[in-house]
């Protein structure tokens, strides 16, 4: 059975690239879906998942801005 230690909770989320943050988020969701954790562990894992989701959104927003900039430059 998986537990909260299956994710790298010591890694600073701000240092993660998109793929690493996404992969860890998938792992967090799987662990939470399996259940069996105590309330504190579940809440801690959920909070990390929220932070990972936010990091993924930041990466996607940055990528979106780069694409929009490239398209605007191509139109000039």
PDB file of N, CA and C in Angstrom:
ATOM      1  N   UNK A   1       0.841  -1.180   0.000  1.00  0.00           N
ATOM      2  CA  UNK A   1       0.000   0.000   0.000  1.00  0.00           C
ATOM      3  C   UNK A   1       0.884   1.239   0.000  1.00  0.00           C
ATOM      4  N   UNK A   2       0.536   2.248  -0.816  1.00  0.00           N
ATOM      5  CA  UNK A   2       1.300   3.492  -0.877  1.00  0.00           C
ATOM      6  C   UNK A   2       0.984   4.352   0.313  1.00  0.00           C
ATOM      7  N   UNK A   3       1.910   5.257   0.612  1.00  0.00           N
ATOM      8  CA  UNK A   3       1.650   6.207   1.681  1.00  0.00           C
ATOM      9  C   UNK A   3       2.250   7.546   1.314  1.00  0.00           C
ATOM     10  N   UNK A   4       2.138   8.513   2.209  1.00  0.00           N
ATOM     11  CA  UNK A   4       2.560   9.876   1.918  1.00  0.00           C
ATOM     12  C   UNK A   4       4.045   9.955   1.613  1.00  0.00           C
ATOM     13  N   UNK A   5       4.837   9.005   2.041  1.00  0.00           N
ATOM     14  CA  UNK A   5       6.268   9.063   1.786  1.00  0.00           C
ATOM     15  C   UNK A   5       6.608   8.675   0.362  1.00  0.00           C
ATOM     16  N   UNK A   6       5.619   8.244  -0.428  1.00  0.00           N
ATOM     17  CA  UNK A   6       5.878   7.911  -1.822  1.00  0.00           C
ATOM     18  C   UNK A   6       6.088   9.152  -2.679  1.00  0.00           C
ATOM     19  N   UNK A   7       5.770  10.327  -2.179  1.00  0.00           N
ATOM     20  CA  UNK A   7       6.017  11.559  -2.904  1.00  0.00           C
ATOM     21  C   UNK A   7       7.207  12.248  -2.272  1.00  0.00           C
ATOM     22  N   UNK A   8       7.881  13.061  -3.044  1.00  0.00           N
ATOM     23  CA  UNK A   8       9.090  13.732  -2.558  1.00  0.00           C
ATOM     24  C   UNK A   8       8.707  15.046  -1.883  1.00  0.00           C
ATOM     25  N   UNK A   9       8.189  14.949  -0.675  1.00  0.00           N
ATOM     26  CA  UNK A   9       7.680  16.122   0.017  1.00  0.00           C
ATOM     27  C   UNK A   9       8.783  17.051   0.505  1.00  0.00           C
ATOM     28  N   UNK A  10      10.048  16.649   0.382  1.00  0.00           N
ATOM     29  CA  UNK A  10      11.151  17.517   0.793  1.00  0.00           C
ATOM     30  C   UNK A  10      11.576  18.466  -0.323  1.00  0.00           C
ATOM     31  N   UNK A  11      11.178  18.184  -1.546  1.00  0.00           N
ATOM     32  CA  UNK A  11      11.556  19.016  -2.672  1.00  0.00           C
ATOM     33  C   UNK A  11      10.751  20.313  -2.664  1.00  0.00           C
ATOM     34  N   UNK A  12      11.468  21.433  -2.843  1.00  0.00           N
ATOM     35  CA  UNK A  12      10.804  22.725  -2.932  1.00  0.00           C
ATOM     36  C   UNK A  12      10.016  22.771  -4.240  1.00  0.00           C
ATOM     37  N   UNK A  13       8.744  22.999  -4.136  1.00  0.00           N
ATOM     38  CA  UNK A  13       7.869  22.995  -5.305  1.00  0.00           C
ATOM     39  C   UNK A  13       8.304  24.037  -6.331  1.00  0.00           C
ATOM     40  N   UNK A  14       8.814  25.168  -5.875  1.00  0.00           N
ATOM     41  CA  UNK A  14       9.239  26.221  -6.796  1.00  0.00           C
ATOM     42  C   UNK A  14      10.429  25.809  -7.657  1.00  0.00           C
ATOM     43  N   UNK A  15      11.108  24.739  -7.291  1.00  0.00           N
ATOM     44  CA  UNK A  15      12.246  24.249  -8.070  1.00  0.00           C
ATOM     45  C   UNK A  15      11.831  23.212  -9.114  1.00  0.00           C
ATOM     46  N   UNK A  16      10.586  22.775  -9.069  1.00  0.00           N
ATOM     47  CA  UNK A  16      10.139  21.720  -9.967  1.00  0.00           C
ATOM     48  C   UNK A  16       9.765  22.265 -11.338  1.00  0.00           C
ATOM     49  N   UNK A  17      10.165  21.536 -12.358  1.00  0.00           N
ATOM     50  CA  UNK A  17       9.696  21.826 -13.703  1.00  0.00           C
ATOM     51  C   UNK A  17       8.271  21.319 -13.854  1.00  0.00           C
ATOM     52  N   UNK A  18       7.673  21.625 -14.989  1.00  0.00           N
ATOM     53  CA  UNK A  18       6.276  21.248 -15.208  1.00  0.00           C
ATOM     54  C   UNK A  18       6.075  19.734 -15.100  1.00  0.00           C
ATOM     55  N   UNK A  19       6.894  18.974 -15.802  1.00  0.00           N
ATOM     56  CA  UNK A  19       6.693  17.525 -15.826  1.00  0.00           C
ATOM     57  C   UNK A  19       6.854  16.908 -14.440  1.00  0.00           C
ATOM     58  N   UNK A  20       7.854  17.368 -13.687  1.00  0.00           N
ATOM     59  CA  UNK A  20       8.078  16.828 -12.342  1.00  0.00           C
ATOM     60  C   UNK A  20       6.909  17.176 -11.425  1.00  0.00           C
ATOM     61  N   UNK A  21       6.422  18.404 -11.508  1.00  0.00           N
ATOM     62  CA  UNK A  21       5.286  18.821 -10.680  1.00  0.00           C
ATOM     63  C   UNK A  21       4.033  18.034 -11.064  1.00  0.00           C
ATOM     64  N   UNK A  22       3.812  17.866 -12.357  1.00  0.00           N
ATOM     65  CA  UNK A  22       2.645  17.109 -12.824  1.00  0.00           C
ATOM     66  C   UNK A  22       2.706  15.661 -12.373  1.00  0.00           C
ATOM     67  N   UNK A  23       3.870  15.040 -12.518  1.00  0.00           N
ATOM     68  CA  UNK A  23       4.017  13.635 -12.130  1.00  0.00           C
ATOM     69  C   UNK A  23       3.801  13.448 -10.631  1.00  0.00           C
ATOM     70  N   UNK A  24       4.345  14.369  -9.841  1.00  0.00           N
ATOM     71  CA  UNK A  24       4.143  14.256  -8.395  1.00  0.00           C
ATOM     72  C   UNK A  24       2.679  14.491  -8.044  1.00  0.00           C
ATOM     73  N   UNK A  25       2.031  15.415  -8.728  1.00  0.00           N
ATOM     74  CA  UNK A  25       0.611  15.672  -8.483  1.00  0.00           C
ATOM     75  C   UNK A  25      -0.220  14.420  -8.781  1.00  0.00           C
ATOM     76  N   UNK A  26       0.084  13.738  -9.852  1.00  0.00           N
ATOM     77  CA  UNK A  26      -0.611  12.486 -10.182  1.00  0.00           C
ATOM     78  C   UNK A  26      -0.423  11.480  -9.056  1.00  0.00           C
ATOM     79  N   UNK A  27       0.792  11.394  -8.538  1.00  0.00           N
ATOM     80  CA  UNK A  27       1.081  10.476  -7.438  1.00  0.00           C
ATOM     81  C   UNK A  27       0.292  10.847  -6.185  1.00  0.00           C
ATOM     82  N   UNK A  28       0.245  12.130  -5.885  1.00  0.00           N
ATOM     83  CA  UNK A  28      -0.507  12.610  -4.717  1.00  0.00           C
ATOM     84  C   UNK A  28      -1.978  12.232  -4.843  1.00  0.00           C
ATOM     85  N   UNK A  29      -2.549  12.458  -6.006  1.00  0.00           N
ATOM     86  CA  UNK A  29      -3.965  12.144  -6.223  1.00  0.00           C
ATOM     87  C   UNK A  29      -4.217  10.649  -6.040  1.00  0.00           C
ATOM     88  N   UNK A  30      -3.343   9.821  -6.585  1.00  0.00           N
ATOM     89  CA  UNK A  30      -3.508   8.369  -6.450  1.00  0.00           C
ATOM     90  C   UNK A  30      -3.483   7.945  -4.986  1.00  0.00           C
ATOM     91  N   UNK A  31      -2.542   8.503  -4.228  1.00  0.00           N
ATOM     92  CA  UNK A  31      -2.438   8.157  -2.806  1.00  0.00           C
ATOM     93  C   UNK A  31      -3.691   8.586  -2.057  1.00  0.00           C
ATOM     94  N   UNK A  32      -4.151   9.792  -2.331  1.00  0.00           N
ATOM     95  CA  UNK A  32      -5.354  10.277  -1.648  1.00  0.00           C
ATOM     96  C   UNK A  32      -6.579   9.442  -2.029  1.00  0.00           C
ATOM     97  N   UNK A  33      -6.663   9.035  -3.290  1.00  0.00           N
ATOM     98  CA  UNK A  33      -7.797   8.215  -3.725  1.00  0.00           C
ATOM     99  C   UNK A  33      -7.798   6.837  -3.070  1.00  0.00           C
ATOM    100  N   UNK A  34      -6.618   6.315  -2.767  1.00  0.00           N
ATOM    101  CA  UNK A  34      -6.533   5.003  -2.128  1.00  0.00           C
ATOM    102  C   UNK A  34      -7.060   5.048  -0.695  1.00  0.00           C
ATOM    103  N   UNK A  35      -6.944   6.220  -0.077  1.00  0.00           N
ATOM    104  CA  UNK A  35      -7.393   6.344   1.304  1.00  0.00           C
ATOM    105  C   UNK A  35      -6.449   5.638   2.255  1.00  0.00           C
ATOM    106  N   UNK A  36      -6.902   5.483   3.480  1.00  0.00           N
ATOM    107  CA  UNK A  36      -6.122   4.776   4.470  1.00  0.00           C
ATOM    108  C   UNK A  36      -5.153   5.641   5.261  1.00  0.00           C
ATOM    109  N   UNK A  37      -5.042   6.921   4.915  1.00  0.00           N
ATOM    110  CA  UNK A  37      -4.158   7.813   5.656  1.00  0.00           C
ATOM    111  C   UNK A  37      -4.929   8.449   6.799  1.00  0.00           C
ATOM    112  N   UNK A  38      -4.202   8.830   7.836  1.00  0.00           N
ATOM    113  CA  UNK A  38      -4.880   9.553   8.908  1.00  0.00           C
ATOM    114  C   UNK A  38      -5.168  10.978   8.436  1.00  0.00           C
ATOM    115  N   UNK A  39      -5.961  11.701   9.194  1.00  0.00           N
ATOM    116  CA  UNK A  39      -6.416  13.022   8.775  1.00  0.00           C
ATOM    117  C   UNK A  39      -5.252  13.975   8.543  1.00  0.00           C
ATOM    118  N   UNK A  40      -4.287  14.016   9.459  1.00  0.00           N
ATOM    119  CA  UNK A  40      -3.158  14.933   9.313  1.00  0.00           C
ATOM    120  C   UNK A  40      -2.347  14.640   8.052  1.00  0.00           C
ATOM    121  N   UNK A  41      -2.081  13.376   7.802  1.00  0.00           N
ATOM    122  CA  UNK A  41      -1.325  12.998   6.604  1.00  0.00           C
ATOM    123  C   UNK A  41      -2.111  13.345   5.346  1.00  0.00           C
ATOM    124  N   UNK A  42      -3.407  13.104   5.364  1.00  0.00           N
ATOM    125  CA  UNK A  42      -4.251  13.428   4.210  1.00  0.00           C
ATOM    126  C   UNK A  42      -4.258  14.924   3.936  1.00  0.00           C
ATOM    127  N   UNK A  43      -4.408  15.709   4.986  1.00  0.00           N
ATOM    128  CA  UNK A  43      -4.426  17.171   4.813  1.00  0.00           C
ATOM    129  C   UNK A  43      -3.085  17.685   4.304  1.00  0.00           C
ATOM    130  N   UNK A  44      -2.009  17.160   4.842  1.00  0.00           N
ATOM    131  CA  UNK A  44      -0.679  17.571   4.411  1.00  0.00           C
ATOM    132  C   UNK A  44      -0.464  17.237   2.938  1.00  0.00           C
ATOM    133  N   UNK A  45      -0.873  16.044   2.559  1.00  0.00           N
ATOM    134  CA  UNK A  45      -0.731  15.620   1.173  1.00  0.00           C
ATOM    135  C   UNK A  45      -1.626  16.446   0.263  1.00  0.00           C
ATOM    136  N   UNK A  46      -2.831  16.735   0.694  1.00  0.00           N
ATOM    137  CA  UNK A  46      -3.755  17.561  -0.092  1.00  0.00           C
ATOM    138  C   UNK A  46      -3.170  18.962  -0.296  1.00  0.00           C
ATOM    139  N   UNK A  47      -2.586  19.538   0.753  1.00  0.00           N
ATOM    140  CA  UNK A  47      -1.980  20.863   0.636  1.00  0.00           C
ATOM    141  C   UNK A  47      -0.829  20.852  -0.363  1.00  0.00           C
ATOM    142  N   UNK A  48      -0.020  19.801  -0.334  1.00  0.00           N
ATOM    143  CA  UNK A  48       1.075  19.701  -1.304  1.00  0.00           C
ATOM    144  C   UNK A  48       0.501  19.560  -2.711  1.00  0.00           C
ATOM    145  N   UNK A  49      -0.558  18.804  -2.845  1.00  0.00           N
ATOM    146  CA  UNK A  49      -1.197  18.662  -4.151  1.00  0.00           C
ATOM    147  C   UNK A  49      -1.707  19.994  -4.679  1.00  0.00           C
ATOM    148  N   UNK A  50      -2.291  20.790  -3.807  1.00  0.00           N
ATOM    149  CA  UNK A  50      -2.769  22.120  -4.215  1.00  0.00           C
ATOM    150  C   UNK A  50      -1.593  22.980  -4.686  1.00  0.00           C
ATOM    151  N   UNK A  51      -0.493  22.937  -3.960  1.00  0.00           N
ATOM    152  CA  UNK A  51       0.690  23.722  -4.334  1.00  0.00           C
ATOM    153  C   UNK A  51       1.279  23.215  -5.656  1.00  0.00           C
ATOM    154  N   UNK A  52       1.271  21.907  -5.854  1.00  0.00           N
ATOM    155  CA  UNK A  52       1.761  21.346  -7.111  1.00  0.00           C
ATOM    156  C   UNK A  52       0.878  21.766  -8.280  1.00  0.00           C
ATOM    157  N   UNK A  53      -0.431  21.752  -8.077  1.00  0.00           N
ATOM    158  CA  UNK A  53      -1.361  22.179  -9.127  1.00  0.00           C
ATOM    159  C   UNK A  53      -1.116  23.645  -9.485  1.00  0.00           C
ATOM    160  N   UNK A  54      -0.892  24.469  -8.486  1.00  0.00           N
ATOM    161  CA  UNK A  54      -0.609  25.881  -8.726  1.00  0.00           C
ATOM    162  C   UNK A  54       0.680  26.043  -9.529  1.00  0.00           C
ATOM    163  N   UNK A  55       1.702  25.251  -9.191  1.00  0.00           N
ATOM    164  CA  UNK A  55       2.978  25.313  -9.911  1.00  0.00           C
ATOM    165  C   UNK A  55       2.781  24.911 -11.368  1.00  0.00           C
ATOM    166  N   UNK A  56       1.981  23.887 -11.611  1.00  0.00           N
ATOM    167  CA  UNK A  56       1.694  23.475 -12.988  1.00  0.00           C
ATOM    168  C   UNK A  56       1.000  24.600 -13.747  1.00  0.00           C
ATOM    169  N   UNK A  57       0.041  25.249 -13.101  1.00  0.00           N
ATOM    170  CA  UNK A  57      -0.665  26.368 -13.736  1.00  0.00           C
ATOM    171  C   UNK A  57       0.297  27.503 -14.067  1.00  0.00           C
ATOM    172  N   UNK A  58       1.259  27.764 -13.195  1.00  0.00           N
ATOM    173  CA  UNK A  58       2.253  28.814 -13.459  1.00  0.00           C
ATOM    174  C   UNK A  58       3.076  28.476 -14.697  1.00  0.00           C
ATOM    175  N   UNK A  59       3.505  27.215 -14.791  1.00  0.00           N
ATOM    176  CA  UNK A  59       4.279  26.799 -15.958  1.00  0.00           C
ATOM    177  C   UNK A  59       3.449  26.934 -17.231  1.00  0.00           C
ATOM    178  N   UNK A  60       2.202  26.516 -17.175  1.00  0.00           N
ATOM    179  CA  UNK A  60       1.349  26.590 -18.360  1.00  0.00           C
ATOM    180  C   UNK A  60       1.076  28.036 -18.759  1.00  0.00           C
ATOM    181  N   UNK A  61       0.892  28.913 -17.784  1.00  0.00           N
ATOM    182  CA  UNK A  61       0.678  30.330 -18.087  1.00  0.00           C
ATOM    183  C   UNK A  61       1.919  30.921 -18.755  1.00  0.00           C
ATOM    184  N   UNK A  62       3.094  30.546 -18.270  1.00  0.00           N
ATOM    185  CA  UNK A  62       4.330  31.018 -18.882  1.00  0.00           C
ATOM    186  C   UNK A  62       4.481  30.515 -20.306  1.00  0.00           C
ATOM    187  N   UNK A  63       4.153  29.265 -20.523  1.00  0.00           N
ATOM    188  CA  UNK A  63       4.235  28.696 -21.867  1.00  0.00           C
ATOM    189  C   UNK A  63       3.233  29.376 -22.791  1.00  0.00           C
ATOM    190  N   UNK A  64       2.033  29.624 -22.289  1.00  0.00           N
ATOM    191  CA  UNK A  64       0.998  30.294 -23.074  1.00  0.00           C
ATOM    192  C   UNK A  64       1.474  31.695 -23.485  1.00  0.00           C
ATOM    193  N   UNK A  65       2.085  32.418 -22.553  1.00  0.00           N
ATOM    194  CA  UNK A  65       2.576  33.760 -22.850  1.00  0.00           C
ATOM    195  C   UNK A  65       3.667  33.720 -23.914  1.00  0.00           C
ATOM    196  N   UNK A  66       4.548  32.720 -23.839  1.00  0.00           N
ATOM    197  CA  UNK A  66       5.607  32.599 -24.839  1.00  0.00           C
ATOM    198  C   UNK A  66       5.041  32.310 -26.224  1.00  0.00           C
ATOM    199  N   UNK A  67       4.025  31.446 -26.286  1.00  0.00           N
ATOM    200  CA  UNK A  67       3.402  31.126 -27.573  1.00  0.00           C
ATOM    201  C   UNK A  67       2.718  32.362 -28.139  1.00  0.00           C
ATOM    202  N   UNK A  68       1.981  33.075 -27.284  1.00  0.00           N
ATOM    203  CA  UNK A  68       1.291  34.280 -27.748  1.00  0.00           C
ATOM    204  C   UNK A  68       2.283  35.321 -28.248  1.00  0.00           C
ATOM    205  N   UNK A  69       3.407  35.471 -27.559  1.00  0.00           N
ATOM    206  CA  UNK A  69       4.441  36.413 -27.980  1.00  0.00           C
ATOM    207  C   UNK A  69       5.021  36.005 -29.330  1.00  0.00           C
ATOM    208  N   UNK A  70       5.313  34.712 -29.477  1.00  0.00           N
ATOM    209  CA  UNK A  70       5.875  34.217 -30.734  1.00  0.00           C
ATOM    210  C   UNK A  70       4.892  34.422 -31.875  1.00  0.00           C
ATOM    211  N   UNK A  71       3.615  34.180 -31.635  1.00  0.00           N
ATOM    212  CA  UNK A  71       2.602  34.381 -32.678  1.00  0.00           C
ATOM    213  C   UNK A  71       2.475  35.853 -33.051  1.00  0.00           C
ATOM    214  N   UNK A  72       2.528  36.715 -32.042  1.00  0.00           N
ATOM    215  CA  UNK A  72       2.434  38.154 -32.303  1.00  0.00           C
ATOM    216  C   UNK A  72       3.633  38.632 -33.108  1.00  0.00           C
ATOM    217  N   UNK A  73       4.820  38.128 -32.785  1.00  0.00           N
ATOM    218  CA  UNK A  73       6.018  38.498 -33.535  1.00  0.00           C
ATOM    219  C   UNK A  73       5.964  37.974 -34.966  1.00  0.00           C
ATOM    220  N   UNK A  74       5.379  36.809 -35.164  1.00  0.00           N
ATOM    221  CA  UNK A  74       5.272  36.224 -36.491  1.00  0.00           C
ATOM    222  C   UNK A  74       4.307  37.023 -37.363  1.00  0.00           C
ATOM    223  N   UNK A  75       3.308  37.647 -36.727  1.00  0.00           N
ATOM    224  CA  UNK A  75       2.321  38.445 -37.455  1.00  0.00           C
ATOM    225  C   UNK A  75       2.878  39.795 -37.889  1.00  0.00           C
ATOM    226  N   UNK A  76       3.972  40.224 -37.266  1.00  0.00           N
ATOM    227  CA  UNK A  76       4.536  41.548 -37.568  1.00  0.00           C
ATOM    228  C   UNK A  76       5.294  41.571 -38.853  1.00  0.00           C
TER     229      UNK A  76
END
